[in-house]
Amino acid sequence: MARTSHDRSAATQRIWCGALLALTASLAILLLATPGAVAPALYWAVSSVALLTALAVVAAGECAWERMVANARAAGVVAR
């Protein structure tokens, strides 16, 4: 089955979102590794962003999994 331009666009968007999440997570880990080097308020803010980023990744993975299972069921690959 040929991929449409919409599929390629969605795949490209997912790649860039993944790269952005990885960059955010790596910066948060760097700041969290040195808590004494930054102000307590910044440390708290970075910790909160890291937690929200992790939750967003889990939610996106769950949505992608549900979409993949729904597509497989619609194609008859997976039975209920």
PDB file of N, CA and C in Angstrom:
ATOM      1  N   MET A   1       0.839  -1.171   0.000  1.00  0.00           N
ATOM      2  CA  MET A   1       0.000   0.000   0.000  1.00  0.00           C
ATOM      3  C   MET A   1       0.886   1.235   0.000  1.00  0.00           C
ATOM      4  N   ALA A   2       0.634   2.167  -0.895  1.00  0.00           N
ATOM      5  CA  ALA A   2       1.447   3.368  -1.007  1.00  0.00           C
ATOM      6  C   ALA A   2       1.118   4.348   0.110  1.00  0.00           C
ATOM      7  N   ARG A   3       2.153   4.983   0.580  1.00  0.00           N
ATOM      8  CA  ARG A   3       1.956   5.983   1.631  1.00  0.00           C
ATOM      9  C   ARG A   3       1.544   7.299   0.989  1.00  0.00           C
ATOM     10  N   THR A   4       0.572   7.948   1.565  1.00  0.00           N
ATOM     11  CA  THR A   4       0.124   9.231   1.050  1.00  0.00           C
ATOM     12  C   THR A   4       0.991  10.348   1.623  1.00  0.00           C
ATOM     13  N   SER A   5       0.848  11.531   1.067  1.00  0.00           N
ATOM     14  CA  SER A   5       1.619  12.661   1.575  1.00  0.00           C
ATOM     15  C   SER A   5       1.201  13.000   3.007  1.00  0.00           C
ATOM     16  N   HIS A   6      -0.065  12.731   3.338  1.00  0.00           N
ATOM     17  CA  HIS A   6      -0.526  12.973   4.709  1.00  0.00           C
ATOM     18  C   HIS A   6       0.187  12.037   5.683  1.00  0.00           C
ATOM     19  N   ASP A   7       0.366  10.772   5.299  1.00  0.00           N
ATOM     20  CA  ASP A   7       1.079   9.816   6.153  1.00  0.00           C
ATOM     21  C   ASP A   7       2.522  10.243   6.352  1.00  0.00           C
ATOM     22  N   ARG A   8       3.167  10.690   5.264  1.00  0.00           N
ATOM     23  CA  ARG A   8       4.561  11.129   5.373  1.00  0.00           C
ATOM     24  C   ARG A   8       4.658  12.381   6.230  1.00  0.00           C
ATOM     25  N   SER A   9       3.703  13.276   6.084  1.00  0.00           N
ATOM     26  CA  SER A   9       3.696  14.501   6.880  1.00  0.00           C
ATOM     27  C   SER A   9       3.508  14.180   8.362  1.00  0.00           C
ATOM     28  N   ALA A  10       2.615  13.253   8.657  1.00  0.00           N
ATOM     29  CA  ALA A  10       2.388  12.873  10.052  1.00  0.00           C
ATOM     30  C   ALA A  10       3.624  12.191  10.624  1.00  0.00           C
ATOM     31  N   ALA A  11       4.286  11.357   9.826  1.00  0.00           N
ATOM     32  CA  ALA A  11       5.496  10.682  10.303  1.00  0.00           C
ATOM     33  C   ALA A  11       6.607  11.696  10.565  1.00  0.00           C
ATOM     34  N   THR A  12       6.747  12.666   9.686  1.00  0.00           N
ATOM     35  CA  THR A  12       7.761  13.703   9.873  1.00  0.00           C
ATOM     36  C   THR A  12       7.469  14.520  11.126  1.00  0.00           C
ATOM     37  N   GLN A  13       6.201  14.825  11.325  1.00  0.00           N
ATOM     38  CA  GLN A  13       5.815  15.592  12.511  1.00  0.00           C
ATOM     39  C   GLN A  13       6.111  14.799  13.784  1.00  0.00           C
ATOM     40  N   ARG A  14       5.847  13.494  13.766  1.00  0.00           N
ATOM     41  CA  ARG A  14       6.146  12.668  14.943  1.00  0.00           C
ATOM     42  C   ARG A  14       7.642  12.625  15.215  1.00  0.00           C
ATOM     43  N   ILE A  15       8.445  12.559  14.163  1.00  0.00           N
ATOM     44  CA  ILE A  15       9.904  12.534  14.341  1.00  0.00           C
ATOM     45  C   ILE A  15      10.379  13.829  14.990  1.00  0.00           C
ATOM     46  N   TRP A  16       9.899  14.960  14.502  1.00  0.00           N
ATOM     47  CA  TRP A  16      10.317  16.243  15.070  1.00  0.00           C
ATOM     48  C   TRP A  16       9.817  16.410  16.500  1.00  0.00           C
ATOM     49  N   CYS A  17       8.605  15.952  16.783  1.00  0.00           N
ATOM     50  CA  CYS A  17       8.091  16.026  18.163  1.00  0.00           C
ATOM     51  C   CYS A  17       8.925  15.145  19.092  1.00  0.00           C
ATOM     52  N   GLY A  18       9.292  13.980  18.606  1.00  0.00           N
ATOM     53  CA  GLY A  18      10.142  13.103  19.399  1.00  0.00           C
ATOM     54  C   GLY A  18      11.497  13.717  19.678  1.00  0.00           C
ATOM     55  N   ALA A  19      12.068  14.365  18.661  1.00  0.00           N
ATOM     56  CA  ALA A  19      13.361  15.027  18.832  1.00  0.00           C
ATOM     57  C   ALA A  19      13.248  16.175  19.832  1.00  0.00           C
ATOM     58  N   LEU A  20      12.172  16.927  19.770  1.00  0.00           N
ATOM     59  CA  LEU A  20      11.968  18.027  20.704  1.00  0.00           C
ATOM     60  C   LEU A  20      11.798  17.507  22.136  1.00  0.00           C
ATOM     61  N   LEU A  21      11.052  16.427  22.286  1.00  0.00           N
ATOM     62  CA  LEU A  21      10.889  15.837  23.616  1.00  0.00           C
ATOM     63  C   LEU A  21      12.214  15.308  24.145  1.00  0.00           C
ATOM     64  N   ALA A  22      13.008  14.700  23.280  1.00  0.00           N
ATOM     65  CA  ALA A  22      14.314  14.186  23.715  1.00  0.00           C
ATOM     66  C   ALA A  22      15.229  15.331  24.139  1.00  0.00           C
ATOM     67  N   LEU A  23      15.199  16.431  23.403  1.00  0.00           N
ATOM     68  CA  LEU A  23      16.021  17.585  23.765  1.00  0.00           C
ATOM     69  C   LEU A  23      15.572  18.168  25.096  1.00  0.00           C
ATOM     70  N   THR A  24      14.264  18.310  25.273  1.00  0.00           N
ATOM     71  CA  THR A  24      13.734  18.829  26.532  1.00  0.00           C
ATOM     72  C   THR A  24      14.122  17.930  27.698  1.00  0.00           C
ATOM     73  N   ALA A  25      13.976  16.636  27.503  1.00  0.00           N
ATOM     74  CA  ALA A  25      14.315  15.689  28.573  1.00  0.00           C
ATOM     75  C   ALA A  25      15.800  15.724  28.891  1.00  0.00           C
ATOM     76  N   SER A  26      16.651  15.825  27.874  1.00  0.00           N
ATOM     77  CA  SER A  26      18.093  15.836  28.138  1.00  0.00           C
ATOM     78  C   SER A  26      18.508  17.106  28.881  1.00  0.00           C
ATOM     79  N   LEU A  27      17.924  18.244  28.524  1.00  0.00           N
ATOM     80  CA  LEU A  27      18.230  19.481  29.248  1.00  0.00           C
ATOM     81  C   LEU A  27      17.743  19.400  30.693  1.00  0.00           C
ATOM     82  N   ALA A  28      16.568  18.816  30.893  1.00  0.00           N
ATOM     83  CA  ALA A  28      16.044  18.675  32.250  1.00  0.00           C
ATOM     84  C   ALA A  28      16.933  17.760  33.081  1.00  0.00           C
ATOM     85  N   ILE A  29      17.401  16.685  32.480  1.00  0.00           N
ATOM     86  CA  ILE A  29      18.277  15.762  33.216  1.00  0.00           C
ATOM     87  C   ILE A  29      19.590  16.442  33.577  1.00  0.00           C
ATOM     88  N   LEU A  30      20.121  17.238  32.669  1.00  0.00           N
ATOM     89  CA  LEU A  30      21.358  17.951  32.980  1.00  0.00           C
ATOM     90  C   LEU A  30      21.171  18.900  34.158  1.00  0.00           C
ATOM     91  N   LEU A  31      20.052  19.612  34.187  1.00  0.00           N
ATOM     92  CA  LEU A  31      19.806  20.527  35.297  1.00  0.00           C
ATOM     93  C   LEU A  31      19.489  19.783  36.591  1.00  0.00           C
ATOM     94  N   LEU A  32      18.796  18.666  36.477  1.00  0.00           N
ATOM     95  CA  LEU A  32      18.461  17.895  37.670  1.00  0.00           C
ATOM     96  C   LEU A  32      19.687  17.211  38.268  1.00  0.00           C
ATOM     97  N   ALA A  33      20.687  16.946  37.451  1.00  0.00           N
ATOM     98  CA  ALA A  33      21.894  16.278  37.943  1.00  0.00           C
ATOM     99  C   ALA A  33      22.726  17.202  38.826  1.00  0.00           C
ATOM    100  N   THR A  34      22.526  18.502  38.676  1.00  0.00           N
ATOM    101  CA  THR A  34      23.288  19.468  39.470  1.00  0.00           C
ATOM    102  C   THR A  34      22.330  20.414  40.197  1.00  0.00           C
ATOM    103  N   PRO A  35      21.605  19.933  41.214  1.00  0.00           N
ATOM    104  CA  PRO A  35      20.603  20.775  41.870  1.00  0.00           C
ATOM    105  C   PRO A  35      21.192  21.973  42.609  1.00  0.00           C
ATOM    106  N   GLY A  36      22.444  21.891  43.071  1.00  0.00           N
ATOM    107  CA  GLY A  36      23.019  23.007  43.799  1.00  0.00           C
ATOM    108  C   GLY A  36      23.491  24.136  42.890  1.00  0.00           C
ATOM    109  N   ALA A  37      23.535  23.891  41.589  1.00  0.00           N
ATOM    110  CA  ALA A  37      24.057  24.884  40.659  1.00  0.00           C
ATOM    111  C   ALA A  37      23.004  25.893  40.209  1.00  0.00           C
ATOM    112  N   VAL A  38      21.752  25.646  40.524  1.00  0.00           N
ATOM    113  CA  VAL A  38      20.684  26.554  40.086  1.00  0.00           C
ATOM    114  C   VAL A  38      19.842  26.959  41.290  1.00  0.00           C
ATOM    115  N   ALA A  39      19.064  27.994  41.102  1.00  0.00           N
ATOM    116  CA  ALA A  39      18.174  28.477  42.167  1.00  0.00           C
ATOM    117  C   ALA A  39      17.092  27.433  42.450  1.00  0.00           C
ATOM    118  N   PRO A  40      16.606  27.376  43.681  1.00  0.00           N
ATOM    119  CA  PRO A  40      15.564  26.389  44.017  1.00  0.00           C
ATOM    120  C   PRO A  40      14.307  26.517  43.159  1.00  0.00           C
ATOM    121  N   ALA A  41      13.910  27.740  42.839  1.00  0.00           N
ATOM    122  CA  ALA A  41      12.715  27.925  42.009  1.00  0.00           C
ATOM    123  C   ALA A  41      12.935  27.347  40.614  1.00  0.00           C
ATOM    124  N   LEU A  42      14.123  27.538  40.053  1.00  0.00           N
ATOM    125  CA  LEU A  42      14.426  26.985  38.733  1.00  0.00           C
ATOM    126  C   LEU A  42      14.485  25.463  38.793  1.00  0.00           C
ATOM    127  N   TYR A  43      15.058  24.934  39.854  1.00  0.00           N
ATOM    128  CA  TYR A  43      15.114  23.491  40.042  1.00  0.00           C
ATOM    129  C   TYR A  43      13.698  22.907  40.099  1.00  0.00           C
ATOM    130  N   TRP A  44      12.796  23.563  40.830  1.00  0.00           N
ATOM    131  CA  TRP A  44      11.411  23.122  40.921  1.00  0.00           C
ATOM    132  C   TRP A  44      10.728  23.203  39.560  1.00  0.00           C
ATOM    133  N   ALA A  45      10.968  24.289  38.825  1.00  0.00           N
ATOM    134  CA  ALA A  45      10.345  24.458  37.507  1.00  0.00           C
ATOM    135  C   ALA A  45      10.834  23.386  36.533  1.00  0.00           C
ATOM    136  N   VAL A  46      12.129  23.125  36.538  1.00  0.00           N
ATOM    137  CA  VAL A  46      12.681  22.108  35.635  1.00  0.00           C
ATOM    138  C   VAL A  46      12.145  20.730  35.996  1.00  0.00           C
ATOM    139  N   SER A  47      12.035  20.449  37.280  1.00  0.00           N
ATOM    140  CA  SER A  47      11.481  19.166  37.712  1.00  0.00           C
ATOM    141  C   SER A  47      10.040  19.012  37.235  1.00  0.00           C
ATOM    142  N   SER A  48       9.271  20.082  37.337  1.00  0.00           N
ATOM    143  CA  SER A  48       7.879  20.041  36.887  1.00  0.00           C
ATOM    144  C   SER A  48       7.789  19.820  35.381  1.00  0.00           C
ATOM    145  N   VAL A  49       8.630  20.510  34.631  1.00  0.00           N
ATOM    146  CA  VAL A  49       8.641  20.339  33.173  1.00  0.00           C
ATOM    147  C   VAL A  49       9.056  18.922  32.803  1.00  0.00           C
ATOM    148  N   ALA A  50      10.039  18.381  33.502  1.00  0.00           N
ATOM    149  CA  ALA A  50      10.478  17.012  33.226  1.00  0.00           C
ATOM    150  C   ALA A  50       9.346  16.024  33.498  1.00  0.00           C
ATOM    151  N   LEU A  51       8.614  16.218  34.590  1.00  0.00           N
ATOM    152  CA  LEU A  51       7.497  15.342  34.909  1.00  0.00           C
ATOM    153  C   LEU A  51       6.394  15.454  33.857  1.00  0.00           C
ATOM    154  N   LEU A  52       6.056  16.671  33.467  1.00  0.00           N
ATOM    155  CA  LEU A  52       5.022  16.862  32.452  1.00  0.00           C
ATOM    156  C   LEU A  52       5.446  16.281  31.107  1.00  0.00           C
ATOM    157  N   THR A  53       6.725  16.403  30.769  1.00  0.00           N
ATOM    158  CA  THR A  53       7.228  15.827  29.528  1.00  0.00           C
ATOM    159  C   THR A  53       7.102  14.308  29.550  1.00  0.00           C
ATOM    160  N   ALA A  54       7.456  13.703  30.667  1.00  0.00           N
ATOM    161  CA  ALA A  54       7.334  12.245  30.787  1.00  0.00           C
ATOM    162  C   ALA A  54       5.874  11.806  30.670  1.00  0.00           C
ATOM    163  N   LEU A  55       4.979  12.531  31.303  1.00  0.00           N
ATOM    164  CA  LEU A  55       3.557  12.199  31.209  1.00  0.00           C
ATOM    165  C   LEU A  55       3.040  12.375  29.781  1.00  0.00           C
ATOM    166  N   ALA A  56       3.504  13.399  29.086  1.00  0.00           N
ATOM    167  CA  ALA A  56       3.092  13.613  27.698  1.00  0.00           C
ATOM    168  C   ALA A  56       3.579  12.481  26.800  1.00  0.00           C
ATOM    169  N   VAL A  57       4.789  12.008  27.035  1.00  0.00           N
ATOM    170  CA  VAL A  57       5.322  10.893  26.245  1.00  0.00           C
ATOM    171  C   VAL A  57       4.495   9.632  26.486  1.00  0.00           C
ATOM    172  N   VAL A  58       4.149   9.364  27.728  1.00  0.00           N
ATOM    173  CA  VAL A  58       3.331   8.182  28.044  1.00  0.00           C
ATOM    174  C   VAL A  58       1.954   8.314  27.396  1.00  0.00           C
ATOM    175  N   ALA A  59       1.338   9.477  27.484  1.00  0.00           N
ATOM    176  CA  ALA A  59       0.018   9.689  26.887  1.00  0.00           C
ATOM    177  C   ALA A  59       0.070   9.554  25.371  1.00  0.00           C
ATOM    178  N   ALA A  60       1.097  10.109  24.740  1.00  0.00           N
ATOM    179  CA  ALA A  60       1.228   9.997  23.281  1.00  0.00           C
ATOM    180  C   ALA A  60       1.433   8.544  22.869  1.00  0.00           C
ATOM    181  N   GLY A  61       2.221   7.811  23.630  1.00  0.00           N
ATOM    182  CA  GLY A  61       2.426   6.394  23.330  1.00  0.00           C
ATOM    183  C   GLY A  61       1.143   5.594  23.468  1.00  0.00           C
ATOM    184  N   GLU A  62       0.372   5.893  24.492  1.00  0.00           N
ATOM    185  CA  GLU A  62      -0.898   5.205  24.692  1.00  0.00           C
ATOM    186  C   GLU A  62      -1.871   5.494  23.544  1.00  0.00           C
ATOM    187  N   CYS A  63      -1.950   6.751  23.136  1.00  0.00           N
ATOM    188  CA  CYS A  63      -2.828   7.118  22.016  1.00  0.00           C
ATOM    189  C   CYS A  63      -2.381   6.441  20.721  1.00  0.00           C
ATOM    190  N   ALA A  64      -1.087   6.415  20.481  1.00  0.00           N
ATOM    191  CA  ALA A  64      -0.565   5.771  19.274  1.00  0.00           C
ATOM    192  C   ALA A  64      -0.864   4.277  19.293  1.00  0.00           C
ATOM    193  N   TRP A  65      -0.724   3.642  20.454  1.00  0.00           N
ATOM    194  CA  TRP A  65      -1.004   2.220  20.574  1.00  0.00           C
ATOM    195  C   TRP A  65      -2.484   1.943  20.293  1.00  0.00           C
ATOM    196  N   GLU A  66      -3.364   2.732  20.875  1.00  0.00           N
ATOM    197  CA  GLU A  66      -4.799   2.547  20.646  1.00  0.00           C
ATOM    198  C   GLU A  66      -5.147   2.742  19.173  1.00  0.00           C
ATOM    199  N   ARG A  67      -4.559   3.737  18.538  1.00  0.00           N
ATOM    200  CA  ARG A  67      -4.809   3.984  17.119  1.00  0.00           C
ATOM    201  C   ARG A  67      -4.309   2.820  16.271  1.00  0.00           C
ATOM    202  N   MET A  68      -3.129   2.271  16.621  1.00  0.00           N
ATOM    203  CA  MET A  68      -2.570   1.161  15.874  1.00  0.00           C
ATOM    204  C   MET A  68      -3.451  -0.087  16.019  1.00  0.00           C
ATOM    205  N   VAL A  69      -3.931  -0.357  17.225  1.00  0.00           N
ATOM    206  CA  VAL A  69      -4.807  -1.511  17.436  1.00  0.00           C
ATOM    207  C   VAL A  69      -6.120  -1.321  16.691  1.00  0.00           C
ATOM    208  N   ALA A  70      -6.673  -0.117  16.718  1.00  0.00           N
ATOM    209  CA  ALA A  70      -7.921   0.151  16.002  1.00  0.00           C
ATOM    210  C   ALA A  70      -7.740  -0.050  14.499  1.00  0.00           C
ATOM    211  N   ASN A  71      -6.615   0.415  13.958  1.00  0.00           N
ATOM    212  CA  ASN A  71      -6.348   0.216  12.531  1.00  0.00           C
ATOM    213  C   ASN A  71      -6.172  -1.258  12.201  1.00  0.00           C
ATOM    214  N   ALA A  72      -5.512  -2.003  13.079  1.00  0.00           N
ATOM    215  CA  ALA A  72      -5.314  -3.434  12.854  1.00  0.00           C
ATOM    216  C   ALA A  72      -6.649  -4.174  12.914  1.00  0.00           C
ATOM    217  N   ARG A  73      -7.503  -3.787  13.832  1.00  0.00           N
ATOM    218  CA  ARG A  73      -8.829  -4.409  13.907  1.00  0.00           C
ATOM    219  C   ARG A  73      -9.647  -4.100  12.664  1.00  0.00           C
ATOM    220  N   ALA A  74      -9.576  -2.849  12.193  1.00  0.00           N
ATOM    221  CA  ALA A  74     -10.317  -2.467  10.998  1.00  0.00           C
ATOM    222  C   ALA A  74      -9.819  -3.217   9.768  1.00  0.00           C
ATOM    223  N   ALA A  75      -8.532  -3.520   9.737  1.00  0.00           N
ATOM    224  CA  ALA A  75      -7.958  -4.252   8.609  1.00  0.00           C
ATOM    225  C   ALA A  75      -8.162  -5.755   8.756  1.00  0.00           C
ATOM    226  N   GLY A  76      -8.667  -6.202   9.900  1.00  0.00           N
ATOM    227  CA  GLY A  76      -8.910  -7.616  10.119  1.00  0.00           C
ATOM    228  C   GLY A  76      -7.683  -8.391  10.573  1.00  0.00           C
ATOM    229  N   VAL A  77      -6.639  -7.691  10.973  1.00  0.00           N
ATOM    230  CA  VAL A  77      -5.417  -8.352  11.421  1.00  0.00           C
ATOM    231  C   VAL A  77      -5.556  -8.858  12.844  1.00  0.00           C
ATOM    232  N   VAL A  78      -6.263  -8.097  13.668  1.00  0.00           N
ATOM    233  CA  VAL A  78      -6.424  -8.438  15.082  1.00  0.00           C
ATOM    234  C   VAL A  78      -7.909  -8.652  15.361  1.00  0.00           C
ATOM    235  N   ALA A  79      -8.215  -9.760  16.012  1.00  0.00           N
ATOM    236  CA  ALA A  79      -9.603 -10.030  16.395  1.00  0.00           C
ATOM    237  C   ALA A  79      -9.871  -9.414  17.761  1.00  0.00           C
ATOM    238  N   ARG A  80     -11.127  -9.250  18.053  1.00  0.00           N
ATOM    239  CA  ARG A  80     -11.485  -8.693  19.370  1.00  0.00           C
ATOM    240  C   ARG A  80     -11.259  -9.700  20.390  1.00  0.00           C
TER     241      ARG A  80
END
